[in-house]
N, C-alpha and C. Protein backbone atom coordinates (compact mmCIF):
# COMPACT_ATOMS: atom_id res chain seq x y z
N UNK A 1 112.97 3.85 145.68
CA UNK A 1 113.11 5.07 146.19
C UNK A 1 110.92 5.44 146.09
N UNK A 2 111.18 5.68 147.20
CA UNK A 2 109.48 6.44 147.45
C UNK A 2 109.20 6.86 146.47
N UNK A 3 107.88 7.26 145.96
CA UNK A 3 107.17 8.27 145.31
C UNK A 3 107.63 8.36 143.84
N UNK A 4 108.76 7.70 143.18
CA UNK A 4 109.35 7.88 141.94
C UNK A 4 108.77 7.01 140.87
N UNK A 5 108.76 7.19 139.88
CA UNK A 5 108.34 6.41 138.66
C UNK A 5 109.56 6.09 138.00
N UNK A 6 109.66 4.57 137.81
CA UNK A 6 110.65 4.08 136.98
C UNK A 6 110.19 3.67 135.50
N UNK A 7 108.69 3.02 135.43
CA UNK A 7 108.26 2.56 134.60
C UNK A 7 106.54 3.05 134.65
N UNK A 8 105.63 2.98 133.08
CA UNK A 8 105.09 3.26 133.33
C UNK A 8 104.47 2.66 132.20
N UNK A 9 103.27 2.04 131.88
CA UNK A 9 102.84 0.93 131.40
C UNK A 9 102.41 1.23 130.01
N UNK A 10 102.76 0.86 128.61
CA UNK A 10 102.51 1.53 127.31
C UNK A 10 101.41 2.23 127.31
N UNK A 11 100.01 2.10 127.89
CA UNK A 11 98.89 2.86 127.62
C UNK A 11 98.95 4.11 127.99
N UNK A 12 99.94 4.00 129.31
CA UNK A 12 99.55 5.07 130.15
C UNK A 12 100.49 6.37 130.22
N UNK A 13 99.89 8.11 130.09
CA UNK A 13 100.12 8.97 129.74
C UNK A 13 101.57 9.53 130.52
N UNK A 14 102.26 10.29 129.55
CA UNK A 14 103.57 10.34 130.11
C UNK A 14 103.56 11.94 130.15
N UNK A 15 104.28 12.38 131.19
CA UNK A 15 104.35 14.08 131.53
C UNK A 15 105.99 14.00 131.24
N UNK A 16 106.69 14.64 130.32
CA UNK A 16 108.14 15.14 130.27
C UNK A 16 108.40 16.48 129.90
N UNK A 17 109.34 16.51 131.06
CA UNK A 17 109.59 18.05 131.15
C UNK A 17 111.17 18.67 129.98
N UNK A 18 111.04 19.28 129.16
CA UNK A 18 112.16 19.26 128.53
C UNK A 18 112.43 20.90 128.70
N UNK A 19 113.81 20.75 128.33
CA UNK A 19 114.66 22.28 128.97
C UNK A 19 114.95 22.93 127.60
N UNK A 20 114.29 23.85 127.80
CA UNK A 20 114.98 24.52 126.19
C UNK A 20 115.66 25.81 125.92
N UNK A 21 116.26 25.90 124.85
CA UNK A 21 116.89 27.39 124.78
C UNK A 21 117.43 28.19 123.46
N UNK A 22 116.50 27.49 122.68
CA UNK A 22 116.28 28.21 121.47
C UNK A 22 117.17 27.80 120.63
N UNK A 23 118.12 26.69 121.29
CA UNK A 23 119.50 25.89 120.50
C UNK A 23 119.00 24.34 119.78
N UNK A 24 119.80 24.29 119.07
CA UNK A 24 119.80 23.06 118.09
C UNK A 24 119.57 21.55 118.87
N UNK A 25 120.60 21.50 119.75
CA UNK A 25 120.61 20.30 120.88
C UNK A 25 119.29 20.95 121.56
N UNK A 26 118.68 21.70 121.98
CA UNK A 26 117.74 21.63 122.64
C UNK A 26 116.20 21.26 121.70
N UNK A 27 116.33 22.24 120.54
CA UNK A 27 115.30 21.55 119.83
C UNK A 27 115.53 20.00 118.90
N UNK A 28 116.48 19.60 119.07
CA UNK A 28 116.36 17.66 119.09
C UNK A 28 115.79 17.26 120.34
N UNK A 29 115.82 18.15 121.60
CA UNK A 29 115.67 17.34 122.68
C UNK A 29 113.78 17.45 122.56
N UNK A 30 113.37 18.62 121.80
CA UNK A 30 112.29 18.52 121.82
C UNK A 30 111.69 17.15 120.97
N UNK A 31 112.08 17.35 120.15
CA UNK A 31 111.97 16.32 119.16
C UNK A 31 111.69 15.10 119.76
N UNK A 32 113.14 14.44 120.56
CA UNK A 32 112.74 13.60 120.99
C UNK A 32 112.01 12.96 121.66
N UNK A 33 111.40 14.02 122.74
CA UNK A 33 110.39 14.06 123.73
C UNK A 33 108.99 13.90 122.75
N UNK A 34 108.52 14.62 121.68
CA UNK A 34 107.83 14.04 120.66
C UNK A 34 107.56 12.45 120.39
N UNK A 35 108.65 12.16 120.04
CA UNK A 35 108.70 10.75 119.84
C UNK A 35 107.75 10.00 120.93
N UNK A 36 108.46 10.50 121.62
CA UNK A 36 108.27 9.49 123.28
C UNK A 36 106.82 9.75 123.87
N UNK A 37 106.02 10.72 123.66
CA UNK A 37 104.61 11.12 123.80
C UNK A 37 103.79 10.52 122.30
N UNK A 38 104.51 10.03 121.10
CA UNK A 38 103.78 9.71 120.34
C UNK A 38 102.84 8.58 120.44
N UNK A 39 101.71 8.41 120.08
CA UNK A 39 100.90 7.16 120.43
C UNK A 39 100.50 7.39 121.47
N UNK A 40 100.94 8.21 122.75
CA UNK A 40 100.35 7.96 124.02
C UNK A 40 99.36 9.10 124.78
N UNK A 41 98.16 8.69 124.70
CA UNK A 41 97.08 9.74 124.75
C UNK A 41 97.30 10.16 125.63
N UNK A 42 96.75 11.51 125.77
CA UNK A 42 96.87 12.37 127.11
C UNK A 42 97.82 12.79 127.51
N UNK A 43 99.41 12.43 126.84
CA UNK A 43 100.58 12.86 127.37
C UNK A 43 100.79 14.70 127.23
N UNK A 44 102.03 14.67 127.92
CA UNK A 44 102.07 15.98 127.75
C UNK A 44 103.75 16.03 128.07
N UNK A 45 103.84 17.66 127.20
CA UNK A 45 105.35 17.97 127.06
C UNK A 45 105.30 19.18 127.63
N UNK A 46 105.79 19.74 128.95
CA UNK A 46 105.92 20.76 129.94
C UNK A 46 107.79 21.38 128.99
N UNK A 47 107.44 22.15 128.30
CA UNK A 47 108.73 22.87 128.24
C UNK A 47 109.04 24.34 129.14
N UNK A 48 110.42 24.01 129.33
CA UNK A 48 111.33 25.04 130.59
C UNK A 48 111.90 25.47 130.03
N UNK A 49 111.87 27.22 130.37
CA UNK A 49 113.20 27.71 129.70
C UNK A 49 113.61 28.65 131.62
N UNK A 50 114.53 28.86 131.59
CA UNK A 50 114.96 29.20 132.85
C UNK A 50 116.24 30.31 132.60
N UNK A 51 115.85 31.84 132.99
CA UNK A 51 116.86 32.60 132.71
C UNK A 51 117.33 32.93 133.93
N UNK A 52 118.44 33.23 134.23
CA UNK A 52 119.23 33.41 135.40
C UNK A 52 119.96 34.89 134.83
N UNK A 53 119.13 35.74 135.62
CA UNK A 53 119.96 36.82 135.35
C UNK A 53 121.07 37.23 135.34
N UNK A 54 122.17 36.47 136.31
CA UNK A 54 123.57 36.70 136.24
C UNK A 54 124.26 36.06 134.79
N UNK A 55 123.44 35.71 134.14
CA UNK A 55 124.19 35.05 132.97
C UNK A 55 123.48 35.85 131.75
N UNK A 56 122.73 36.47 131.71
CA UNK A 56 122.07 37.44 130.47
C UNK A 56 122.77 38.12 129.96
N UNK A 57 123.15 38.38 128.68
CA UNK A 57 124.28 38.71 127.75
C UNK A 57 124.28 40.58 128.61
N UNK A 58 125.54 40.34 129.23
CA UNK A 58 125.46 41.94 130.02
C UNK A 58 125.17 43.07 128.87
N UNK A 59 125.69 42.98 127.73
CA UNK A 59 125.34 44.28 126.75
C UNK A 59 124.04 44.88 126.79
N UNK A 60 123.01 43.70 126.61
CA UNK A 60 121.67 43.99 126.78
C UNK A 60 121.10 44.56 128.03
N UNK A 61 121.89 44.05 129.22
CA UNK A 61 120.95 44.87 130.34
C UNK A 61 121.80 45.59 131.03
N UNK A 62 123.31 46.22 130.22
CA UNK A 62 123.68 47.17 130.99
C UNK A 62 123.05 48.48 131.03
N UNK A 63 121.88 48.26 130.76
CA UNK A 63 121.05 49.81 131.08
C UNK A 63 120.24 49.46 132.23
N UNK A 64 119.84 48.31 132.00
CA UNK A 64 118.75 48.23 133.20
C UNK A 64 119.09 48.41 134.45
N UNK A 65 118.09 48.59 135.17
CA UNK A 65 118.46 49.60 136.48
C UNK A 65 117.20 49.32 137.54
N UNK A 66 116.15 48.77 137.10
CA UNK A 66 115.12 47.89 137.85
C UNK A 66 114.97 46.12 138.06
N UNK A 67 114.55 46.08 139.38
CA UNK A 67 114.08 44.38 138.35
C UNK A 67 113.00 44.08 137.65
N UNK A 68 112.01 45.08 137.81
CA UNK A 68 110.81 45.30 137.00
C UNK A 68 111.42 45.02 135.38
N UNK A 69 111.94 45.86 134.99
CA UNK A 69 113.19 46.11 133.72
C UNK A 69 113.61 44.48 133.28
N UNK A 70 114.51 43.87 134.58
CA UNK A 70 114.85 42.77 134.31
C UNK A 70 113.87 41.97 134.30
N UNK A 71 113.12 41.75 135.06
CA UNK A 71 112.03 40.84 134.62
C UNK A 71 111.49 40.66 133.25
N UNK A 72 111.23 41.86 133.09
CA UNK A 72 110.62 41.90 131.45
C UNK A 72 111.83 41.57 130.78
N UNK A 73 112.60 42.35 130.83
CA UNK A 73 113.63 41.27 129.48
C UNK A 73 114.27 40.05 129.60
N UNK A 74 114.00 39.52 130.89
CA UNK A 74 114.58 37.93 131.27
C UNK A 74 112.92 37.29 130.49
N UNK A 75 112.12 37.72 130.47
CA UNK A 75 110.55 37.14 129.89
C UNK A 75 110.58 37.36 128.37
N UNK A 76 111.38 38.43 127.95
CA UNK A 76 111.25 38.42 126.95
C UNK A 76 112.28 37.18 126.00
N UNK A 77 113.19 37.10 126.42
CA UNK A 77 114.68 35.99 126.54
C UNK A 77 113.31 34.71 126.14
N UNK A 78 112.83 34.94 126.91
CA UNK A 78 112.42 33.26 127.26
C UNK A 78 111.16 33.11 126.00
N UNK A 79 110.60 33.84 125.77
CA UNK A 79 109.22 33.96 124.66
C UNK A 79 110.26 33.64 123.81
N UNK A 80 111.52 34.02 123.29
CA UNK A 80 112.20 34.27 121.88
C UNK A 80 112.72 32.49 121.89
N UNK A 81 113.42 32.13 123.50
CA UNK A 81 113.59 30.73 123.74
C UNK A 81 112.73 29.63 123.07
N UNK A 82 111.44 30.22 123.76
CA UNK A 82 110.38 28.83 123.56
C UNK A 82 110.10 28.85 122.05
N UNK A 83 110.21 29.58 121.01
CA UNK A 83 109.38 29.64 120.07
C UNK A 83 109.51 28.53 119.44
N UNK A 84 110.40 28.43 119.22
CA UNK A 84 110.71 27.21 118.43
C UNK A 84 109.75 25.78 118.87
N UNK A 85 110.48 26.04 120.25
CA UNK A 85 109.96 24.44 120.57
C UNK A 85 108.75 24.10 120.94
N UNK A 86 107.38 24.92 121.01
CA UNK A 86 105.99 25.47 121.02
C UNK A 86 105.74 25.54 119.67
N UNK A 87 106.42 25.76 117.86
CA UNK A 87 105.77 25.20 116.58
C UNK A 87 106.36 24.03 116.88
N UNK A 88 107.37 23.30 117.34
CA UNK A 88 108.01 22.09 117.09
C UNK A 88 106.52 20.94 117.46
N UNK A 89 105.97 21.36 119.14
CA UNK A 89 104.77 21.07 119.69
C UNK A 89 103.60 21.00 118.75
N UNK A 90 103.29 22.35 118.18
CA UNK A 90 102.06 22.65 117.52
C UNK A 90 101.88 21.56 116.45
N UNK A 91 103.08 21.40 115.30
CA UNK A 91 103.24 20.67 114.05
C UNK A 91 102.67 19.62 114.16
N UNK A 92 103.13 19.09 115.55
CA UNK A 92 103.31 17.53 115.64
C UNK A 92 101.84 17.47 116.71
N UNK A 93 101.20 18.37 116.73
CA UNK A 93 99.80 18.42 117.38
C UNK A 93 99.44 17.52 118.90
N UNK A 94 101.02 17.83 119.26
CA UNK A 94 101.08 17.58 120.73
C UNK A 94 100.66 18.23 121.94
N UNK A 95 100.15 17.91 123.21
CA UNK A 95 99.71 18.64 124.39
C UNK A 95 100.93 19.29 124.87
N UNK A 96 101.02 20.60 125.12
CA UNK A 96 102.12 20.91 125.80
C UNK A 96 101.77 21.98 126.46
N UNK A 97 102.88 22.44 127.62
CA UNK A 97 102.51 24.08 127.84
C UNK A 97 103.97 24.33 128.54
N UNK A 98 104.32 25.59 128.30
CA UNK A 98 105.02 25.84 128.55
C UNK A 98 105.78 26.67 130.48
N UNK A 99 106.66 26.74 130.47
CA UNK A 99 107.09 27.42 132.03
C UNK A 99 108.59 28.18 131.79
N UNK A 100 108.14 29.55 131.78
CA UNK A 100 109.18 30.42 131.74
C UNK A 100 109.52 31.12 133.05
N UNK A 101 110.51 30.98 133.37
CA UNK A 101 110.92 31.59 135.11
C UNK A 101 112.18 31.82 134.99
N UNK A 102 112.77 32.55 136.12
CA UNK A 102 114.16 33.07 136.61
C UNK A 102 114.49 32.38 137.98
N UNK A 103 115.63 31.87 137.69
CA UNK A 103 116.11 31.21 138.01
C UNK A 103 117.45 30.03 137.92
N UNK A 104 118.48 29.28 138.83
CA UNK A 104 119.46 28.84 138.55
C UNK A 104 118.53 27.39 137.40
N UNK A 105 119.27 27.88 136.58
CA UNK A 105 118.73 26.84 135.14
C UNK A 105 118.52 25.20 135.83
N UNK A 106 119.14 24.53 136.58
CA UNK A 106 119.58 23.22 136.88
C UNK A 106 118.11 23.01 137.98
N UNK A 107 118.61 23.62 138.94
CA UNK A 107 117.43 23.96 140.32
C UNK A 107 116.17 24.27 139.75
N UNK A 108 115.77 25.23 138.41
CA UNK A 108 114.35 25.17 138.20
C UNK A 108 113.95 23.82 137.33
N UNK A 109 114.51 23.84 136.11
CA UNK A 109 114.34 22.15 135.78
C UNK A 109 114.17 21.12 136.81
N UNK A 110 114.83 21.27 137.77
CA UNK A 110 114.43 19.67 138.55
C UNK A 110 113.11 20.06 139.33
N UNK A 111 113.01 20.91 139.92
CA UNK A 111 111.79 21.25 140.95
C UNK A 111 110.73 21.36 140.10
N UNK A 112 110.66 22.03 138.63
CA UNK A 112 109.21 21.83 137.76
C UNK A 112 108.96 20.58 137.22
N UNK A 113 110.00 19.71 137.26
CA UNK A 113 109.65 18.16 137.40
C UNK A 113 109.18 17.74 138.67
N UNK A 114 109.33 18.32 139.52
CA UNK A 114 109.36 17.20 140.58
C UNK A 114 107.39 17.95 141.02
N UNK A 115 107.24 19.23 140.40
CA UNK A 115 105.75 19.97 140.64
C UNK A 115 105.11 19.50 139.83
N UNK A 116 105.42 19.05 138.69
CA UNK A 116 104.31 18.63 137.80
C UNK A 116 104.33 17.37 137.68
N UNK A 117 105.11 16.44 138.59
CA UNK A 117 104.98 14.89 138.50
C UNK A 117 105.68 14.31 137.20
N UNK A 118 106.58 14.66 136.92
CA UNK A 118 107.27 14.35 135.69
C UNK A 118 107.91 12.85 135.31
N UNK A 119 107.61 12.46 134.62
CA UNK A 119 108.12 10.76 134.25
C UNK A 119 109.83 11.06 133.85
N UNK A 120 109.75 11.56 133.33
CA UNK A 120 111.27 12.44 132.90
C UNK A 120 111.74 13.56 132.06
N UNK A 121 112.69 13.94 132.67
CA UNK A 121 113.68 15.07 132.16
C UNK A 121 114.17 14.74 130.43
N UNK A 122 114.09 15.42 129.64
CA UNK A 122 114.96 15.47 128.30
C UNK A 122 115.50 16.50 128.29
N UNK A 123 117.07 17.08 128.18
CA UNK A 123 117.54 18.08 127.32
C UNK A 123 118.95 18.04 126.69
N UNK A 124 118.79 19.46 125.95
CA UNK A 124 120.05 19.18 125.33
C UNK A 124 121.37 19.10 125.96
N UNK A 125 122.68 18.57 125.49
CA UNK A 125 123.77 19.11 125.36
C UNK A 125 124.49 20.14 125.81
N UNK A 126 124.45 21.30 125.18
CA UNK A 126 124.82 22.44 124.65
C UNK A 126 123.76 23.55 124.45
N UNK A 127 124.23 24.27 125.31
CA UNK A 127 122.90 25.38 124.39
C UNK A 127 123.64 26.76 124.80
N UNK A 128 123.03 28.05 124.65
CA UNK A 128 123.14 29.30 123.97
C UNK A 128 123.85 29.78 125.66
N UNK A 129 125.19 30.70 125.30
CA UNK A 129 125.47 31.28 126.53
C UNK A 129 125.98 30.21 127.36
N UNK A 130 125.62 30.12 128.49
CA UNK A 130 125.67 29.44 129.80
C UNK A 130 124.64 28.42 130.27
N UNK A 131 123.43 28.71 129.54
CA UNK A 131 122.48 28.14 129.83
C UNK A 131 122.34 26.41 130.09
N UNK A 132 122.97 25.65 129.32
CA UNK A 132 122.37 24.53 129.61
C UNK A 132 124.09 23.90 128.85
N UNK A 133 124.97 24.19 129.69
CA UNK A 133 126.34 23.51 129.25
C UNK A 133 126.54 22.40 130.18
N UNK A 134 127.45 22.09 130.19
CA UNK A 134 127.85 20.27 130.83
C UNK A 134 127.66 20.59 132.26
N UNK A 135 127.43 21.61 132.66
CA UNK A 135 127.80 21.81 134.37
C UNK A 135 126.22 21.92 134.80
N UNK A 136 125.41 22.85 134.02
CA UNK A 136 124.09 22.29 134.20
C UNK A 136 123.67 20.65 134.23
N UNK A 137 123.45 20.43 133.46
CA UNK A 137 123.08 18.88 132.77
C UNK A 137 123.95 17.88 134.00
N UNK A 138 125.02 18.57 134.62
CA UNK A 138 125.43 17.70 135.17
C UNK A 138 124.61 17.85 136.67
N UNK A 139 124.49 18.97 137.00
CA UNK A 139 123.86 19.27 138.25
C UNK A 139 122.18 18.62 138.41
N UNK A 140 121.73 19.15 137.21
CA UNK A 140 120.25 18.12 136.73
C UNK A 140 120.33 16.65 137.15
N UNK A 141 121.60 16.40 136.59
CA UNK A 141 121.56 14.71 136.99
C UNK A 141 121.72 14.49 138.35
N UNK A 142 122.10 15.74 139.60
CA UNK A 142 122.18 15.13 140.88
C UNK A 142 120.88 15.28 141.24
N UNK A 143 120.13 16.39 140.73
CA UNK A 143 118.89 17.05 141.44
C UNK A 143 117.93 16.77 141.07
N UNK A 144 117.94 15.51 139.69
CA UNK A 144 116.70 15.23 139.03
C UNK A 144 116.12 13.92 140.33
N UNK A 145 115.16 13.31 140.72
CA UNK A 145 114.29 12.28 140.86
C UNK A 145 113.99 11.49 139.84
N UNK A 146 113.83 11.78 138.86
CA UNK A 146 113.31 10.94 137.16
C UNK A 146 114.24 11.08 136.69
N UNK A 147 114.02 9.50 135.74
CA UNK A 147 115.02 9.67 134.70
C UNK A 147 115.54 11.35 133.66
N UNK A 148 116.85 11.17 133.58
CA UNK A 148 117.36 12.40 132.61
C UNK A 148 118.12 11.70 131.30
N UNK A 149 117.11 12.04 129.96
CA UNK A 149 118.30 12.02 128.70
C UNK A 149 118.49 12.88 128.37
N UNK A 150 119.62 13.14 127.56
CA UNK A 150 120.60 13.90 127.69
C UNK A 150 120.53 13.61 125.73
N UNK A 151 119.90 14.56 124.92
CA UNK A 151 120.08 14.94 123.00
C UNK A 151 121.29 15.78 122.90
N UNK A 152 122.10 15.44 121.88
CA UNK A 152 123.29 15.71 121.06
C UNK A 152 122.40 16.62 120.34
């Protein structure tokens, strides 16, 4: 397939998108991505958290009446979800960026991977709520244009 990278020489840097949601499998996905970029100078991990407003905890947003409040709540949830992943990256002294967005998790993950020119996507197999359940992973498999590694 044109434009798709399946191999990269060992000395070239990698850009790996990691879907995170604060769950243990997502944190193991971060650890796996860190092992992939170790000893590859210039490599970068892109930590992605996608908040789907329809699946946020209804009890937490029952009083929400405006789109702006929804966005602030989603941004707060993303900060919480990204906290452990950023700590793991800092401890490993890895180069990383975070992306917190609102939208369909699977579509957001695949889109960001395309936008940043990712070599690979790594994600946990199960998450909190409905964020990274099997249906999301299955959809990412269909949408992704790069290899996908699922971590238990």
